[in-house]
Amino acid sequence: MKCIHCQGNMKKGFAPLHIDRKGCHLTLDNVPAWVCSQCGEAYFEETEVNTVQELITIIDQKAQPLVANA
């Protein structure tokens, strides 16, 4: 698999993921990903994307009463 940015080789590894949404900041330090050995670009597979989307949904629901005017 080649990186779409630099054409470097992609290897299985881990990458951080940062999400800012409606006044909340979520940082996941080691998400499984394909990581470019040349430029460091990370690509996440469907399973990880779906899990992160579930986390965002839960955060949206639970944080709503805490975040003013979000």
PDB file of N, CA and C in Angstrom:
ATOM      1  N   MET A   1       0.861  -1.179   0.000  1.00  0.00           N
ATOM      2  CA  MET A   1       0.000   0.000   0.000  1.00  0.00           C
ATOM      3  C   MET A   1       0.904   1.238   0.000  1.00  0.00           C
ATOM      4  N   LYS A   2       0.548   2.215  -0.820  1.00  0.00           N
ATOM      5  CA  LYS A   2       1.338   3.435  -0.953  1.00  0.00           C
ATOM      6  C   LYS A   2       0.570   4.634  -0.400  1.00  0.00           C
ATOM      7  N   CYS A   3       1.299   5.570   0.168  1.00  0.00           N
ATOM      8  CA  CYS A   3       0.733   6.821   0.685  1.00  0.00           C
ATOM      9  C   CYS A   3       0.256   7.680  -0.492  1.00  0.00           C
ATOM     10  N   ILE A   4      -0.938   8.240  -0.378  1.00  0.00           N
ATOM     11  CA  ILE A   4      -1.435   9.077  -1.481  1.00  0.00           C
ATOM     12  C   ILE A   4      -0.754  10.443  -1.514  1.00  0.00           C
ATOM     13  N   HIS A   5      -0.079  10.822  -0.424  1.00  0.00           N
ATOM     14  CA  HIS A   5       0.581  12.126  -0.377  1.00  0.00           C
ATOM     15  C   HIS A   5       1.992  12.090  -0.959  1.00  0.00           C
ATOM     16  N   CYS A   6       2.774  11.059  -0.574  1.00  0.00           N
ATOM     17  CA  CYS A   6       4.182  11.048  -0.978  1.00  0.00           C
ATOM     18  C   CYS A   6       4.609   9.746  -1.657  1.00  0.00           C
ATOM     19  N   GLN A   7       3.694   8.793  -1.774  1.00  0.00           N
ATOM     20  CA  GLN A   7       3.958   7.488  -2.372  1.00  0.00           C
ATOM     21  C   GLN A   7       4.903   6.620  -1.544  1.00  0.00           C
ATOM     22  N   GLY A   8       5.100   6.972  -0.266  1.00  0.00           N
ATOM     23  CA  GLY A   8       5.904   6.147   0.630  1.00  0.00           C
ATOM     24  C   GLY A   8       5.167   4.864   0.979  1.00  0.00           C
ATOM     25  N   ASN A   9       5.871   3.927   1.574  1.00  0.00           N
ATOM     26  CA  ASN A   9       5.272   2.649   1.969  1.00  0.00           C
ATOM     27  C   ASN A   9       4.497   2.802   3.263  1.00  0.00           C
ATOM     28  N   MET A  10       3.308   2.208   3.287  1.00  0.00           N
ATOM     29  CA  MET A  10       2.465   2.226   4.473  1.00  0.00           C
ATOM     30  C   MET A  10       2.722   0.967   5.283  1.00  0.00           C
ATOM     31  N   LYS A  11       2.843   1.129   6.604  1.00  0.00           N
ATOM     32  CA  LYS A  11       3.052  -0.011   7.490  1.00  0.00           C
ATOM     33  C   LYS A  11       2.043   0.049   8.618  1.00  0.00           C
ATOM     34  N   LYS A  12       1.632  -1.136   9.091  1.00  0.00           N
ATOM     35  CA  LYS A  12       0.730  -1.191  10.248  1.00  0.00           C
ATOM     36  C   LYS A  12       1.447  -0.621  11.454  1.00  0.00           C
ATOM     37  N   GLY A  13       0.740   0.212  12.204  1.00  0.00           N
ATOM     38  CA  GLY A  13       1.308   0.811  13.393  1.00  0.00           C
ATOM     39  C   GLY A  13       0.210   1.475  14.201  1.00  0.00           C
ATOM     40  N   PHE A  14       0.580   2.552  14.864  1.00  0.00           N
ATOM     41  CA  PHE A  14      -0.356   3.307  15.684  1.00  0.00           C
ATOM     42  C   PHE A  14      -0.130   4.791  15.443  1.00  0.00           C
ATOM     43  N   ALA A  15      -1.195   5.562  15.568  1.00  0.00           N
ATOM     44  CA  ALA A  15      -1.102   7.003  15.351  1.00  0.00           C
ATOM     45  C   ALA A  15      -2.033   7.717  16.321  1.00  0.00           C
ATOM     46  N   PRO A  16      -1.663   8.939  16.709  1.00  0.00           N
ATOM     47  CA  PRO A  16      -2.569   9.724  17.546  1.00  0.00           C
ATOM     48  C   PRO A  16      -3.718  10.272  16.705  1.00  0.00           C
ATOM     49  N   LEU A  17      -4.819  10.538  17.377  1.00  0.00           N
ATOM     50  CA  LEU A  17      -5.981  11.128  16.710  1.00  0.00           C
ATOM     51  C   LEU A  17      -6.546  12.192  17.632  1.00  0.00           C
ATOM     52  N   HIS A  18      -6.709  13.395  17.110  1.00  0.00           N
ATOM     53  CA  HIS A  18      -7.221  14.519  17.893  1.00  0.00           C
ATOM     54  C   HIS A  18      -8.511  15.013  17.258  1.00  0.00           C
ATOM     55  N   ILE A  19      -9.537  15.174  18.085  1.00  0.00           N
ATOM     56  CA  ILE A  19     -10.835  15.652  17.601  1.00  0.00           C
ATOM     57  C   ILE A  19     -11.283  16.802  18.482  1.00  0.00           C
ATOM     58  N   ASP A  20     -11.622  17.923  17.856  1.00  0.00           N
ATOM     59  CA  ASP A  20     -12.201  19.072  18.555  1.00  0.00           C
ATOM     60  C   ASP A  20     -13.626  19.201  18.055  1.00  0.00           C
ATOM     61  N   ARG A  21     -14.566  19.167  19.003  1.00  0.00           N
ATOM     62  CA  ARG A  21     -15.976  19.189  18.593  1.00  0.00           C
ATOM     63  C   ARG A  21     -16.827  19.813  19.689  1.00  0.00           C
ATOM     64  N   LYS A  22     -17.549  20.854  19.329  1.00  0.00           N
ATOM     65  CA  LYS A  22     -18.526  21.487  20.220  1.00  0.00           C
ATOM     66  C   LYS A  22     -17.967  21.750  21.613  1.00  0.00           C
ATOM     67  N   GLY A  23     -16.770  22.311  21.673  1.00  0.00           N
ATOM     68  CA  GLY A  23     -16.182  22.664  22.958  1.00  0.00           C
ATOM     69  C   GLY A  23     -15.499  21.520  23.678  1.00  0.00           C
ATOM     70  N   CYS A  24     -15.429  20.357  23.064  1.00  0.00           N
ATOM     71  CA  CYS A  24     -14.765  19.194  23.667  1.00  0.00           C
ATOM     72  C   CYS A  24     -13.529  18.850  22.840  1.00  0.00           C
ATOM     73  N   HIS A  25     -12.512  18.382  23.523  1.00  0.00           N
ATOM     74  CA  HIS A  25     -11.268  17.985  22.868  1.00  0.00           C
ATOM     75  C   HIS A  25     -10.979  16.542  23.249  1.00  0.00           C
ATOM     76  N   LEU A  26     -10.947  15.667  22.261  1.00  0.00           N
ATOM     77  CA  LEU A  26     -10.692  14.250  22.477  1.00  0.00           C
ATOM     78  C   LEU A  26      -9.343  13.914  21.861  1.00  0.00           C
ATOM     79  N   THR A  27      -8.471  13.289  22.641  1.00  0.00           N
ATOM     80  CA  THR A  27      -7.174  12.843  22.153  1.00  0.00           C
ATOM     81  C   THR A  27      -7.041  11.353  22.420  1.00  0.00           C
ATOM     82  N   LEU A  28      -6.805  10.621  21.367  1.00  0.00           N
ATOM     83  CA  LEU A  28      -6.533   9.185  21.463  1.00  0.00           C
ATOM     84  C   LEU A  28      -5.073   9.011  21.039  1.00  0.00           C
ATOM     85  N   ASP A  29      -4.258   8.464  21.916  1.00  0.00           N
ATOM     86  CA  ASP A  29      -2.813   8.434  21.677  1.00  0.00           C
ATOM     87  C   ASP A  29      -2.346   7.349  20.708  1.00  0.00           C
ATOM     88  N   ASN A  30      -2.940   6.182  20.748  1.00  0.00           N
ATOM     89  CA  ASN A  30      -2.426   5.054  19.966  1.00  0.00           C
ATOM     90  C   ASN A  30      -3.538   4.296  19.259  1.00  0.00           C
ATOM     91  N   VAL A  31      -4.049   4.877  18.190  1.00  0.00           N
ATOM     92  CA  VAL A  31      -5.107   4.241  17.408  1.00  0.00           C
ATOM     93  C   VAL A  31      -4.442   3.384  16.319  1.00  0.00           C
ATOM     94  N   PRO A  32      -4.852   2.125  16.177  1.00  0.00           N
ATOM     95  CA  PRO A  32      -4.293   1.309  15.104  1.00  0.00           C
ATOM     96  C   PRO A  32      -4.520   1.987  13.754  1.00  0.00           C
ATOM     97  N   ALA A  33      -3.471   1.996  12.919  1.00  0.00           N
ATOM     98  CA  ALA A  33      -3.555   2.701  11.639  1.00  0.00           C
ATOM     99  C   ALA A  33      -2.491   2.172  10.685  1.00  0.00           C
ATOM    100  N   TRP A  34      -2.662   2.532   9.434  1.00  0.00           N
ATOM    101  CA  TRP A  34      -1.590   2.382   8.453  1.00  0.00           C
ATOM    102  C   TRP A  34      -0.829   3.698   8.472  1.00  0.00           C
ATOM    103  N   VAL A  35       0.473   3.647   8.691  1.00  0.00           N
ATOM    104  CA  VAL A  35       1.281   4.859   8.829  1.00  0.00           C
ATOM    105  C   VAL A  35       2.366   4.863   7.751  1.00  0.00           C
ATOM    106  N   CYS A  36       2.493   5.996   7.076  1.00  0.00           N
ATOM    107  CA  CYS A  36       3.511   6.135   6.037  1.00  0.00           C
ATOM    108  C   CYS A  36       4.891   6.206   6.678  1.00  0.00           C
ATOM    109  N   SER A  37       5.803   5.354   6.207  1.00  0.00           N
ATOM    110  CA  SER A  37       7.154   5.337   6.755  1.00  0.00           C
ATOM    111  C   SER A  37       7.973   6.536   6.290  1.00  0.00           C
ATOM    112  N   GLN A  38       7.480   7.261   5.296  1.00  0.00           N
ATOM    113  CA  GLN A  38       8.216   8.410   4.769  1.00  0.00           C
ATOM    114  C   GLN A  38       7.727   9.734   5.355  1.00  0.00           C
ATOM    115  N   CYS A  39       6.401   9.995   5.317  1.00  0.00           N
ATOM    116  CA  CYS A  39       5.886  11.296   5.754  1.00  0.00           C
ATOM    117  C   CYS A  39       5.090  11.236   7.053  1.00  0.00           C
ATOM    118  N   GLY A  40       4.745  10.024   7.513  1.00  0.00           N
ATOM    119  CA  GLY A  40       4.014   9.875   8.770  1.00  0.00           C
ATOM    120  C   GLY A  40       2.505   9.995   8.661  1.00  0.00           C
ATOM    121  N   GLU A  41       1.985  10.186   7.456  1.00  0.00           N
ATOM    122  CA  GLU A  41       0.530  10.267   7.264  1.00  0.00           C
ATOM    123  C   GLU A  41      -0.117   8.972   7.747  1.00  0.00           C
ATOM    124  N   ALA A  42      -1.257   9.103   8.435  1.00  0.00           N
ATOM    125  CA  ALA A  42      -1.938   7.927   8.970  1.00  0.00           C
ATOM    126  C   ALA A  42      -3.284   7.732   8.288  1.00  0.00           C
ATOM    127  N   TYR A  43      -3.595   6.474   8.013  1.00  0.00           N
ATOM    128  CA  TYR A  43      -4.892   6.100   7.464  1.00  0.00           C
ATOM    129  C   TYR A  43      -5.521   5.092   8.415  1.00  0.00           C
ATOM    130  N   PHE A  44      -6.771   5.315   8.748  1.00  0.00           N
ATOM    131  CA  PHE A  44      -7.479   4.455   9.686  1.00  0.00           C
ATOM    132  C   PHE A  44      -8.441   3.554   8.931  1.00  0.00           C
ATOM    133  N   GLU A  45      -8.530   2.297   9.371  1.00  0.00           N
ATOM    134  CA  GLU A  45      -9.443   1.349   8.743  1.00  0.00           C
ATOM    135  C   GLU A  45     -10.864   1.563   9.263  1.00  0.00           C
ATOM    136  N   GLU A  46     -11.808   0.932   8.591  1.00  0.00           N
ATOM    137  CA  GLU A  46     -13.236   1.115   8.867  1.00  0.00           C
ATOM    138  C   GLU A  46     -13.591   0.825  10.327  1.00  0.00           C
ATOM    139  N   THR A  47     -13.027  -0.219  10.900  1.00  0.00           N
ATOM    140  CA  THR A  47     -13.330  -0.571  12.290  1.00  0.00           C
ATOM    141  C   THR A  47     -12.975   0.566  13.238  1.00  0.00           C
ATOM    142  N   GLU A  48     -11.794   1.136  13.055  1.00  0.00           N
ATOM    143  CA  GLU A  48     -11.358   2.229  13.922  1.00  0.00           C
ATOM    144  C   GLU A  48     -12.202   3.486  13.685  1.00  0.00           C
ATOM    145  N   VAL A  49     -12.518   3.772  12.430  1.00  0.00           N
ATOM    146  CA  VAL A  49     -13.351   4.938  12.114  1.00  0.00           C
ATOM    147  C   VAL A  49     -14.726   4.801  12.756  1.00  0.00           C
ATOM    148  N   ASN A  50     -15.315   3.622  12.655  1.00  0.00           N
ATOM    149  CA  ASN A  50     -16.633   3.400  13.251  1.00  0.00           C
ATOM    150  C   ASN A  50     -16.585   3.567  14.770  1.00  0.00           C
ATOM    151  N   THR A  51     -15.542   3.060  15.403  1.00  0.00           N
ATOM    152  CA  THR A  51     -15.403   3.191  16.854  1.00  0.00           C
ATOM    153  C   THR A  51     -15.257   4.655  17.251  1.00  0.00           C
ATOM    154  N   VAL A  52     -14.460   5.402  16.517  1.00  0.00           N
ATOM    155  CA  VAL A  52     -14.287   6.833  16.818  1.00  0.00           C
ATOM    156  C   VAL A  52     -15.603   7.574  16.616  1.00  0.00           C
ATOM    157  N   GLN A  53     -16.351   7.236  15.582  1.00  0.00           N
ATOM    158  CA  GLN A  53     -17.649   7.879  15.361  1.00  0.00           C
ATOM    159  C   GLN A  53     -18.612   7.583  16.509  1.00  0.00           C
ATOM    160  N   GLU A  54     -18.564   6.372  17.048  1.00  0.00           N
ATOM    161  CA  GLU A  54     -19.390   6.034  18.211  1.00  0.00           C
ATOM    162  C   GLU A  54     -18.977   6.871  19.418  1.00  0.00           C
ATOM    163  N   LEU A  55     -17.676   7.034  19.633  1.00  0.00           N
ATOM    164  CA  LEU A  55     -17.194   7.875  20.735  1.00  0.00           C
ATOM    165  C   LEU A  55     -17.689   9.314  20.592  1.00  0.00           C
ATOM    166  N   ILE A  56     -17.632   9.841  19.372  1.00  0.00           N
ATOM    167  CA  ILE A  56     -18.086  11.209  19.128  1.00  0.00           C
ATOM    168  C   ILE A  56     -19.570  11.340  19.441  1.00  0.00           C
ATOM    169  N   THR A  57     -20.361  10.361  19.044  1.00  0.00           N
ATOM    170  CA  THR A  57     -21.805  10.386  19.322  1.00  0.00           C
ATOM    171  C   THR A  57     -22.052  10.402  20.831  1.00  0.00           C
ATOM    172  N   ILE A  58     -21.344   9.554  21.550  1.00  0.00           N
ATOM    173  CA  ILE A  58     -21.502   9.496  23.009  1.00  0.00           C
ATOM    174  C   ILE A  58     -21.070  10.814  23.651  1.00  0.00           C
ATOM    175  N   ILE A  59     -19.951  11.356  23.197  1.00  0.00           N
ATOM    176  CA  ILE A  59     -19.479  12.640  23.748  1.00  0.00           C
ATOM    177  C   ILE A  59     -20.495  13.741  23.476  1.00  0.00           C
ATOM    178  N   ASP A  60     -21.045  13.778  22.261  1.00  0.00           N
ATOM    179  CA  ASP A  60     -22.064  14.775  21.929  1.00  0.00           C
ATOM    180  C   ASP A  60     -23.248  14.688  22.894  1.00  0.00           C
ATOM    181  N   GLN A  61     -23.697  13.471  23.160  1.00  0.00           N
ATOM    182  CA  GLN A  61     -24.861  13.277  24.029  1.00  0.00           C
ATOM    183  C   GLN A  61     -24.548  13.629  25.479  1.00  0.00           C
ATOM    184  N   LYS A  62     -23.433  13.153  25.988  1.00  0.00           N
ATOM    185  CA  LYS A  62     -23.105  13.318  27.404  1.00  0.00           C
ATOM    186  C   LYS A  62     -22.612  14.724  27.738  1.00  0.00           C
ATOM    187  N   ALA A  63     -21.939  15.371  26.800  1.00  0.00           N
ATOM    188  CA  ALA A  63     -21.357  16.688  27.084  1.00  0.00           C
ATOM    189  C   ALA A  63     -22.328  17.831  26.849  1.00  0.00           C
ATOM    190  N   GLN A  64     -23.423  17.588  26.172  1.00  0.00           N
ATOM    191  CA  GLN A  64     -24.364  18.655  25.831  1.00  0.00           C
ATOM    192  C   GLN A  64     -24.769  19.514  27.032  1.00  0.00           C
ATOM    193  N   PRO A  65     -25.117  18.924  28.190  1.00  0.00           N
ATOM    194  CA  PRO A  65     -25.503  19.765  29.327  1.00  0.00           C
ATOM    195  C   PRO A  65     -24.340  20.585  29.916  1.00  0.00           C
ATOM    196  N   LEU A  66     -23.108  20.208  29.601  1.00  0.00           N
ATOM    197  CA  LEU A  66     -21.936  20.880  30.170  1.00  0.00           C
ATOM    198  C   LEU A  66     -21.390  22.005  29.292  1.00  0.00           C
ATOM    199  N   VAL A  67     -21.728  21.977  28.013  1.00  0.00           N
ATOM    200  CA  VAL A  67     -21.143  22.921  27.073  1.00  0.00           C
ATOM    201  C   VAL A  67     -22.179  23.999  26.739  1.00  0.00           C
ATOM    202  N   ALA A  68     -21.889  25.221  27.129  1.00  0.00           N
ATOM    203  CA  ALA A  68     -22.803  26.338  26.873  1.00  0.00           C
ATOM    204  C   ALA A  68     -22.711  26.785  25.419  1.00  0.00           C
ATOM    205  N   ASN A  69     -23.861  26.956  24.774  1.00  0.00           N
ATOM    206  CA  ASN A  69     -23.957  27.491  23.408  1.00  0.00           C
ATOM    207  C   ASN A  69     -23.131  26.717  22.387  1.00  0.00           C
ATOM    208  N   ALA A  70     -23.088  25.426  22.510  1.00  0.00           N
ATOM    209  CA  ALA A  70     -22.298  24.636  21.535  1.00  0.00           C
ATOM    210  C   ALA A  70     -23.137  24.284  20.344  1.00  0.00           C
TER     211      ALA A  70
END
